């Protein structure tokens, strides 16, 4: 649970954006973003271009993911 009153924890920021993302793997991240400028987080309705292109999220592959998972697990066991 997060609780913020009058921007507490974000300095003098009066507005905070919430963003939920997950990429290509079944999981989610919740992000709290202090808004420094009105363009920090925007909506499609404010973008003038008709066609917006995105590139795929890089996927290191299962073998590389397993290797890094083992490195992290080993580091946590120390």
PDB file of N, CA and C in Angstrom:
ATOM      1  N   UNK A   1       0.828  -1.182   0.000  1.00  0.00           N
ATOM      2  CA  UNK A   1       0.000   0.000   0.000  1.00  0.00           C
ATOM      3  C   UNK A   1       0.874   1.248   0.000  1.00  0.00           C
ATOM      4  N   UNK A   2       0.504   2.202  -0.810  1.00  0.00           N
ATOM      5  CA  UNK A   2       1.204   3.472  -0.843  1.00  0.00           C
ATOM      6  C   UNK A   2       0.241   4.570  -0.414  1.00  0.00           C
ATOM      7  N   UNK A   3       0.721   5.478   0.389  1.00  0.00           N
ATOM      8  CA  UNK A   3      -0.103   6.611   0.770  1.00  0.00           C
ATOM      9  C   UNK A   3       0.709   7.888   0.670  1.00  0.00           C
ATOM     10  N   UNK A   4       0.200   8.845  -0.064  1.00  0.00           N
ATOM     11  CA  UNK A   4       0.901  10.109  -0.221  1.00  0.00           C
ATOM     12  C   UNK A   4      -0.075  11.241   0.045  1.00  0.00           C
ATOM     13  N   UNK A   5       0.369  12.201   0.810  1.00  0.00           N
ATOM     14  CA  UNK A   5      -0.459  13.366   1.087  1.00  0.00           C
ATOM     15  C   UNK A   5       0.323  14.606   0.685  1.00  0.00           C
ATOM     16  N   UNK A   6      -0.278  15.429  -0.153  1.00  0.00           N
ATOM     17  CA  UNK A   6       0.338  16.693  -0.588  1.00  0.00           C
ATOM     18  C   UNK A   6       1.734  16.493  -1.164  1.00  0.00           C
ATOM     19  N   UNK A   7       1.924  15.428  -1.922  1.00  0.00           N
ATOM     20  CA  UNK A   7       3.202  15.200  -2.587  1.00  0.00           C
ATOM     21  C   UNK A   7       4.292  14.680  -1.668  1.00  0.00           C
ATOM     22  N   UNK A   8       3.956  14.213  -0.478  1.00  0.00           N
ATOM     23  CA  UNK A   8       4.969  13.699   0.449  1.00  0.00           C
ATOM     24  C   UNK A   8       5.775  12.612  -0.226  1.00  0.00           C
ATOM     25  N   UNK A   9       7.080  12.686  -0.092  1.00  0.00           N
ATOM     26  CA  UNK A   9       7.951  11.701  -0.716  1.00  0.00           C
ATOM     27  C   UNK A   9       8.366  12.093  -2.123  1.00  0.00           C
ATOM     28  N   UNK A  10       7.770  13.124  -2.673  1.00  0.00           N
ATOM     29  CA  UNK A  10       8.111  13.574  -4.010  1.00  0.00           C
ATOM     30  C   UNK A  10       8.506  15.042  -4.005  1.00  0.00           C
ATOM     31  N   UNK A  11       9.020  15.522  -2.898  1.00  0.00           N
ATOM     32  CA  UNK A  11       9.459  16.904  -2.818  1.00  0.00           C
ATOM     33  C   UNK A  11       8.278  17.854  -2.979  1.00  0.00           C
ATOM     34  N   UNK A  12       8.458  18.857  -3.815  1.00  0.00           N
ATOM     35  CA  UNK A  12       7.405  19.858  -3.997  1.00  0.00           C
ATOM     36  C   UNK A  12       6.436  19.485  -5.119  1.00  0.00           C
ATOM     37  N   UNK A  13       6.547  18.286  -5.661  1.00  0.00           N
ATOM     38  CA  UNK A  13       5.678  17.875  -6.768  1.00  0.00           C
ATOM     39  C   UNK A  13       4.234  17.744  -6.281  1.00  0.00           C
ATOM     40  N   UNK A  14       3.337  18.349  -7.030  1.00  0.00           N
ATOM     41  CA  UNK A  14       1.930  18.299  -6.652  1.00  0.00           C
ATOM     42  C   UNK A  14       1.182  17.196  -7.389  1.00  0.00           C
ATOM     43  N   UNK A  15       1.798  16.651  -8.443  1.00  0.00           N
ATOM     44  CA  UNK A  15       1.133  15.622  -9.227  1.00  0.00           C
ATOM     45  C   UNK A  15       2.045  14.419  -9.397  1.00  0.00           C
ATOM     46  N   UNK A  16       1.424  13.246  -9.375  1.00  0.00           N
ATOM     47  CA  UNK A  16       2.145  11.991  -9.549  1.00  0.00           C
ATOM     48  C   UNK A  16       1.359  11.139 -10.533  1.00  0.00           C
ATOM     49  N   UNK A  17       2.060  10.519 -11.473  1.00  0.00           N
ATOM     50  CA  UNK A  17       1.415   9.616 -12.425  1.00  0.00           C
ATOM     51  C   UNK A  17       1.617   8.180 -11.964  1.00  0.00           C
ATOM     52  N   UNK A  18       0.641   7.337 -12.232  1.00  0.00           N
ATOM     53  CA  UNK A  18       0.747   5.899 -11.983  1.00  0.00           C
ATOM     54  C   UNK A  18       0.848   5.218 -13.334  1.00  0.00           C
ATOM     55  N   UNK A  19       1.806   4.320 -13.476  1.00  0.00           N
ATOM     56  CA  UNK A  19       1.962   3.586 -14.722  1.00  0.00           C
ATOM     57  C   UNK A  19       2.114   2.112 -14.396  1.00  0.00           C
ATOM     58  N   UNK A  20       1.394   1.281 -15.104  1.00  0.00           N
ATOM     59  CA  UNK A  20       1.505  -0.155 -14.944  1.00  0.00           C
ATOM     60  C   UNK A  20       1.995  -0.735 -16.253  1.00  0.00           C
ATOM     61  N   UNK A  21       3.052  -1.535 -16.191  1.00  0.00           N
ATOM     62  CA  UNK A  21       3.613  -2.121 -17.405  1.00  0.00           C
ATOM     63  C   UNK A  21       4.004  -3.562 -17.135  1.00  0.00           C
ATOM     64  N   UNK A  22       4.184  -4.322 -18.228  1.00  0.00           N
ATOM     65  CA  UNK A  22       4.528  -5.721 -18.046  1.00  0.00           C
ATOM     66  C   UNK A  22       5.369  -6.304 -19.158  1.00  0.00           C
ATOM     67  N   UNK A  23       5.463  -5.650 -20.280  1.00  0.00           N
ATOM     68  CA  UNK A  23       6.269  -6.183 -21.373  1.00  0.00           C
ATOM     69  C   UNK A  23       5.689  -7.458 -21.958  1.00  0.00           C
ATOM     70  N   UNK A  24       6.574  -8.334 -22.393  1.00  0.00           N
ATOM     71  CA  UNK A  24       6.147  -9.549 -23.079  1.00  0.00           C
ATOM     72  C   UNK A  24       5.995 -10.752 -22.164  1.00  0.00           C
ATOM     73  N   UNK A  25       6.334 -10.620 -20.891  1.00  0.00           N
ATOM     74  CA  UNK A  25       6.256 -11.732 -19.954  1.00  0.00           C
ATOM     75  C   UNK A  25       5.078 -11.472 -19.021  1.00  0.00           C
ATOM     76  N   UNK A  26       4.404 -12.524 -18.595  1.00  0.00           N
ATOM     77  CA  UNK A  26       3.209 -12.367 -17.751  1.00  0.00           C
ATOM     78  C   UNK A  26       3.591 -11.886 -16.353  1.00  0.00           C
ATOM     79  N   UNK A  27       3.646 -10.576 -16.166  1.00  0.00           N
ATOM     80  CA  UNK A  27       3.934  -9.949 -14.880  1.00  0.00           C
ATOM     81  C   UNK A  27       3.567  -8.471 -14.993  1.00  0.00           C
ATOM     82  N   UNK A  28       3.673  -7.742 -13.924  1.00  0.00           N
ATOM     83  CA  UNK A  28       3.367  -6.317 -13.983  1.00  0.00           C
ATOM     84  C   UNK A  28       4.250  -5.547 -13.014  1.00  0.00           C
ATOM     85  N   UNK A  29       4.519  -4.312 -13.359  1.00  0.00           N
ATOM     86  CA  UNK A  29       5.246  -3.372 -12.502  1.00  0.00           C
ATOM     87  C   UNK A  29       4.346  -2.160 -12.299  1.00  0.00           C
ATOM     88  N   UNK A  30       4.295  -1.661 -11.102  1.00  0.00           N
ATOM     89  CA  UNK A  30       3.579  -0.423 -10.823  1.00  0.00           C
ATOM     90  C   UNK A  30       4.620   0.664 -10.587  1.00  0.00           C
ATOM     91  N   UNK A  31       4.511   1.752 -11.325  1.00  0.00           N
ATOM     92  CA  UNK A  31       5.463   2.853 -11.223  1.00  0.00           C
ATOM     93  C   UNK A  31       4.746   4.103 -10.729  1.00  0.00           C
ATOM     94  N   UNK A  32       5.364   4.814  -9.812  1.00  0.00           N
ATOM     95  CA  UNK A  32       4.905   6.138  -9.392  1.00  0.00           C
ATOM     96  C   UNK A  32       5.890   7.137  -9.983  1.00  0.00           C
ATOM     97  N   UNK A  33       5.388   8.064 -10.781  1.00  0.00           N
ATOM     98  CA  UNK A  33       6.260   8.983 -11.506  1.00  0.00           C
ATOM     99  C   UNK A  33       5.948  10.414 -11.079  1.00  0.00           C
ATOM    100  N   UNK A  34       6.905  11.095 -10.416  1.00  0.00           N
ATOM    101  CA  UNK A  34       6.665  12.506 -10.096  1.00  0.00           C
ATOM    102  C   UNK A  34       6.653  13.316 -11.396  1.00  0.00           C
ATOM    103  N   UNK A  35       5.661  14.127 -11.581  1.00  0.00           N
ATOM    104  CA  UNK A  35       5.540  14.907 -12.808  1.00  0.00           C
ATOM    105  C   UNK A  35       6.292  16.227 -12.656  1.00  0.00           C
ATOM    106  N   UNK A  36       7.369  16.343 -13.414  1.00  0.00           N
ATOM    107  CA  UNK A  36       8.177  17.558 -13.391  1.00  0.00           C
ATOM    108  C   UNK A  36       7.728  18.528 -14.471  1.00  0.00           C
ATOM    109  N   UNK A  37       7.175  17.975 -15.550  1.00  0.00           N
ATOM    110  CA  UNK A  37       6.767  18.765 -16.698  1.00  0.00           C
ATOM    111  C   UNK A  37       5.477  18.163 -17.247  1.00  0.00           C
ATOM    112  N   UNK A  38       4.673  18.950 -17.910  1.00  0.00           N
ATOM    113  CA  UNK A  38       3.399  18.438 -18.407  1.00  0.00           C
ATOM    114  C   UNK A  38       3.576  17.367 -19.486  1.00  0.00           C
ATOM    115  N   UNK A  39       4.779  17.220 -20.037  1.00  0.00           N
ATOM    116  CA  UNK A  39       5.028  16.216 -21.074  1.00  0.00           C
ATOM    117  C   UNK A  39       5.653  14.930 -20.529  1.00  0.00           C
ATOM    118  N   UNK A  40       5.862  14.827 -19.234  1.00  0.00           N
ATOM    119  CA  UNK A  40       6.499  13.632 -18.677  1.00  0.00           C
ATOM    120  C   UNK A  40       5.698  12.363 -18.969  1.00  0.00           C
ATOM    121  N   UNK A  41       4.416  12.423 -18.811  1.00  0.00           N
ATOM    122  CA  UNK A  41       3.524  11.307 -19.139  1.00  0.00           C
ATOM    123  C   UNK A  41       2.404  11.900 -19.966  1.00  0.00           C
ATOM    124  N   UNK A  42       2.119  11.307 -21.099  1.00  0.00           N
ATOM    125  CA  UNK A  42       1.113  11.900 -21.976  1.00  0.00           C
ATOM    126  C   UNK A  42       0.138  10.838 -22.467  1.00  0.00           C
ATOM    127  N   UNK A  43      -0.842  11.268 -23.201  1.00  0.00           N
ATOM    128  CA  UNK A  43      -1.880  10.401 -23.734  1.00  0.00           C
ATOM    129  C   UNK A  43      -1.848  10.462 -25.250  1.00  0.00           C
ATOM    130  N   UNK A  44      -2.342   9.431 -25.880  1.00  0.00           N
ATOM    131  CA  UNK A  44      -2.412   9.387 -27.340  1.00  0.00           C
ATOM    132  C   UNK A  44      -3.165  10.596 -27.899  1.00  0.00           C
ATOM    133  N   UNK A  45      -4.114  11.106 -27.168  1.00  0.00           N
ATOM    134  CA  UNK A  45      -4.917  12.220 -27.683  1.00  0.00           C
ATOM    135  C   UNK A  45      -4.089  13.490 -27.895  1.00  0.00           C
ATOM    136  N   UNK A  46      -2.898  13.572 -27.294  1.00  0.00           N
ATOM    137  CA  UNK A  46      -2.060  14.754 -27.446  1.00  0.00           C
ATOM    138  C   UNK A  46      -0.983  14.592 -28.511  1.00  0.00           C
ATOM    139  N   UNK A  47      -0.917  13.427 -29.140  1.00  0.00           N
ATOM    140  CA  UNK A  47       0.107  13.160 -30.152  1.00  0.00           C
ATOM    141  C   UNK A  47      -0.496  13.429 -31.526  1.00  0.00           C
ATOM    142  N   UNK A  48       0.167  14.272 -32.307  1.00  0.00           N
ATOM    143  CA  UNK A  48      -0.382  14.697 -33.596  1.00  0.00           C
ATOM    144  C   UNK A  48      -0.195  13.671 -34.704  1.00  0.00           C
ATOM    145  N   UNK A  49       0.868  12.858 -34.658  1.00  0.00           N
ATOM    146  CA  UNK A  49       1.143  11.921 -35.731  1.00  0.00           C
ATOM    147  C   UNK A  49       0.046  10.858 -35.791  1.00  0.00           C
ATOM    148  N   UNK A  50      -0.412  10.548 -37.000  1.00  0.00           N
ATOM    149  CA  UNK A  50      -1.436   9.529 -37.180  1.00  0.00           C
ATOM    150  C   UNK A  50      -0.895   8.135 -36.887  1.00  0.00           C
ATOM    151  N   UNK A  51       0.333   7.890 -37.344  1.00  0.00           N
ATOM    152  CA  UNK A  51       0.942   6.566 -37.171  1.00  0.00           C
ATOM    153  C   UNK A  51       2.122   6.686 -36.220  1.00  0.00           C
ATOM    154  N   UNK A  52       2.081   5.923 -35.153  1.00  0.00           N
ATOM    155  CA  UNK A  52       3.178   5.884 -34.203  1.00  0.00           C
ATOM    156  C   UNK A  52       3.774   4.484 -34.278  1.00  0.00           C
ATOM    157  N   UNK A  53       5.084   4.395 -34.388  1.00  0.00           N
ATOM    158  CA  UNK A  53       5.722   3.083 -34.482  1.00  0.00           C
ATOM    159  C   UNK A  53       6.452   2.750 -33.187  1.00  0.00           C
ATOM    160  N   UNK A  54       6.431   1.490 -32.837  1.00  0.00           N
ATOM    161  CA  UNK A  54       7.115   0.994 -31.654  1.00  0.00           C
ATOM    162  C   UNK A  54       7.995  -0.166 -32.077  1.00  0.00           C
ATOM    163  N   UNK A  55       9.083  -0.351 -31.392  1.00  0.00           N
ATOM    164  CA  UNK A  55       9.906  -1.516 -31.680  1.00  0.00           C
ATOM    165  C   UNK A  55       9.686  -2.550 -30.584  1.00  0.00           C
ATOM    166  N   UNK A  56       9.851  -3.823 -30.902  1.00  0.00           N
ATOM    167  CA  UNK A  56       9.645  -4.873 -29.902  1.00  0.00           C
ATOM    168  C   UNK A  56      10.639  -4.750 -28.747  1.00  0.00           C
ATOM    169  N   UNK A  57      10.209  -5.195 -27.583  1.00  0.00           N
ATOM    170  CA  UNK A  57      11.094  -5.229 -26.422  1.00  0.00           C
ATOM    171  C   UNK A  57      12.148  -6.310 -26.670  1.00  0.00           C
ATOM    172  N   UNK A  58      13.426  -6.007 -26.454  1.00  0.00           N
ATOM    173  CA  UNK A  58      14.456  -7.029 -26.658  1.00  0.00           C
ATOM    174  C   UNK A  58      14.204  -8.245 -25.760  1.00  0.00           C
ATOM    175  N   UNK A  59      14.355  -9.433 -26.324  1.00  0.00           N
ATOM    176  CA  UNK A  59      14.163 -10.664 -25.565  1.00  0.00           C
ATOM    177  C   UNK A  59      15.474 -11.436 -25.594  1.00  0.00           C
ATOM    178  N   UNK A  60      16.144 -11.588 -24.444  1.00  0.00           N
ATOM    179  CA  UNK A  60      17.445 -12.258 -24.424  1.00  0.00           C
ATOM    180  C   UNK A  60      17.358 -13.768 -24.675  1.00  0.00           C
ATOM    181  N   UNK A  61      16.192 -14.357 -24.587  1.00  0.00           N
ATOM    182  CA  UNK A  61      16.068 -15.794 -24.801  1.00  0.00           C
ATOM    183  C   UNK A  61      16.142 -16.564 -23.486  1.00  0.00           C
ATOM    184  N   UNK A  62      15.581 -17.756 -23.487  1.00  0.00           N
ATOM    185  CA  UNK A  62      15.472 -18.546 -22.260  1.00  0.00           C
ATOM    186  C   UNK A  62      16.815 -18.920 -21.644  1.00  0.00           C
ATOM    187  N   UNK A  63      17.797 -19.289 -22.460  1.00  0.00           N
ATOM    188  CA  UNK A  63      19.103 -19.683 -21.909  1.00  0.00           C
ATOM    189  C   UNK A  63      19.773 -18.529 -21.168  1.00  0.00           C
ATOM    190  N   UNK A  64      19.748 -17.363 -21.768  1.00  0.00           N
ATOM    191  CA  UNK A  64      20.364 -16.201 -21.121  1.00  0.00           C
ATOM    192  C   UNK A  64      19.584 -15.808 -19.856  1.00  0.00           C
ATOM    193  N   UNK A  65      18.258 -15.908 -19.908  1.00  0.00           N
ATOM    194  CA  UNK A  65      17.457 -15.610 -18.723  1.00  0.00           C
ATOM    195  C   UNK A  65      17.766 -16.585 -17.590  1.00  0.00           C
ATOM    196  N   UNK A  66      17.912 -17.865 -17.915  1.00  0.00           N
ATOM    197  CA  UNK A  66      18.266 -18.859 -16.889  1.00  0.00           C
ATOM    198  C   UNK A  66      19.632 -18.562 -16.280  1.00  0.00           C
ATOM    199  N   UNK A  67      20.588 -18.175 -17.126  1.00  0.00           N
ATOM    200  CA  UNK A  67      21.934 -17.851 -16.639  1.00  0.00           C
ATOM    201  C   UNK A  67      21.872 -16.696 -15.643  1.00  0.00           C
ATOM    202  N   UNK A  68      21.150 -15.633 -15.991  1.00  0.00           N
ATOM    203  CA  UNK A  68      21.047 -14.488 -15.085  1.00  0.00           C
ATOM    204  C   UNK A  68      20.255 -14.822 -13.836  1.00  0.00           C
ATOM    205  N   UNK A  69      19.227 -15.657 -13.967  1.00  0.00           N
ATOM    206  CA  UNK A  69      18.454 -16.074 -12.793  1.00  0.00           C
ATOM    207  C   UNK A  69      19.349 -16.814 -11.803  1.00  0.00           C
ATOM    208  N   UNK A  70      20.230 -17.673 -12.336  1.00  0.00           N
ATOM    209  CA  UNK A  70      21.158 -18.417 -11.455  1.00  0.00           C
ATOM    210  C   UNK A  70      22.145 -17.467 -10.797  1.00  0.00           C
ATOM    211  N   UNK A  71      22.664 -16.509 -11.539  1.00  0.00           N
ATOM    212  CA  UNK A  71      23.596 -15.526 -10.956  1.00  0.00           C
ATOM    213  C   UNK A  71      22.925 -14.741  -9.827  1.00  0.00           C
ATOM    214  N   UNK A  72      21.687 -14.342 -10.041  1.00  0.00           N
ATOM    215  CA  UNK A  72      20.962 -13.594  -9.001  1.00  0.00           C
ATOM    216  C   UNK A  72      20.699 -14.483  -7.799  1.00  0.00           C
ATOM    217  N   UNK A  73      20.233 -15.721  -8.029  1.00  0.00           N
ATOM    218  CA  UNK A  73      19.949 -16.637  -6.932  1.00  0.00           C
ATOM    219  C   UNK A  73      21.214 -16.927  -6.123  1.00  0.00           C
ATOM    220  N   UNK A  74      22.317 -17.139  -6.820  1.00  0.00           N
ATOM    221  CA  UNK A  74      23.592 -17.403  -6.118  1.00  0.00           C
ATOM    222  C   UNK A  74      24.013 -16.195  -5.287  1.00  0.00           C
ATOM    223  N   UNK A  75      23.841 -15.002  -5.824  1.00  0.00           N
ATOM    224  CA  UNK A  75      24.207 -13.782  -5.090  1.00  0.00           C
ATOM    225  C   UNK A  75      23.319 -13.609  -3.846  1.00  0.00           C
ATOM    226  N   UNK A  76      22.061 -13.989  -3.955  1.00  0.00           N
ATOM    227  CA  UNK A  76      21.152 -13.867  -2.807  1.00  0.00           C
ATOM    228  C   UNK A  76      21.452 -14.896  -1.728  1.00  0.00           C
ATOM    229  N   UNK A  77      22.033 -16.028  -2.116  1.00  0.00           N
ATOM    230  CA  UNK A  77      22.370 -17.081  -1.148  1.00  0.00           C
ATOM    231  C   UNK A  77      23.625 -16.763  -0.332  1.00  0.00           C
ATOM    232  N   UNK A  78      24.391 -15.777  -0.767  1.00  0.00           N
ATOM    233  CA  UNK A  78      25.642 -15.447  -0.047  1.00  0.00           C
ATOM    234  C   UNK A  78      25.379 -14.785   1.257  1.00  0.00           C
TER     235      UNK A  78
END
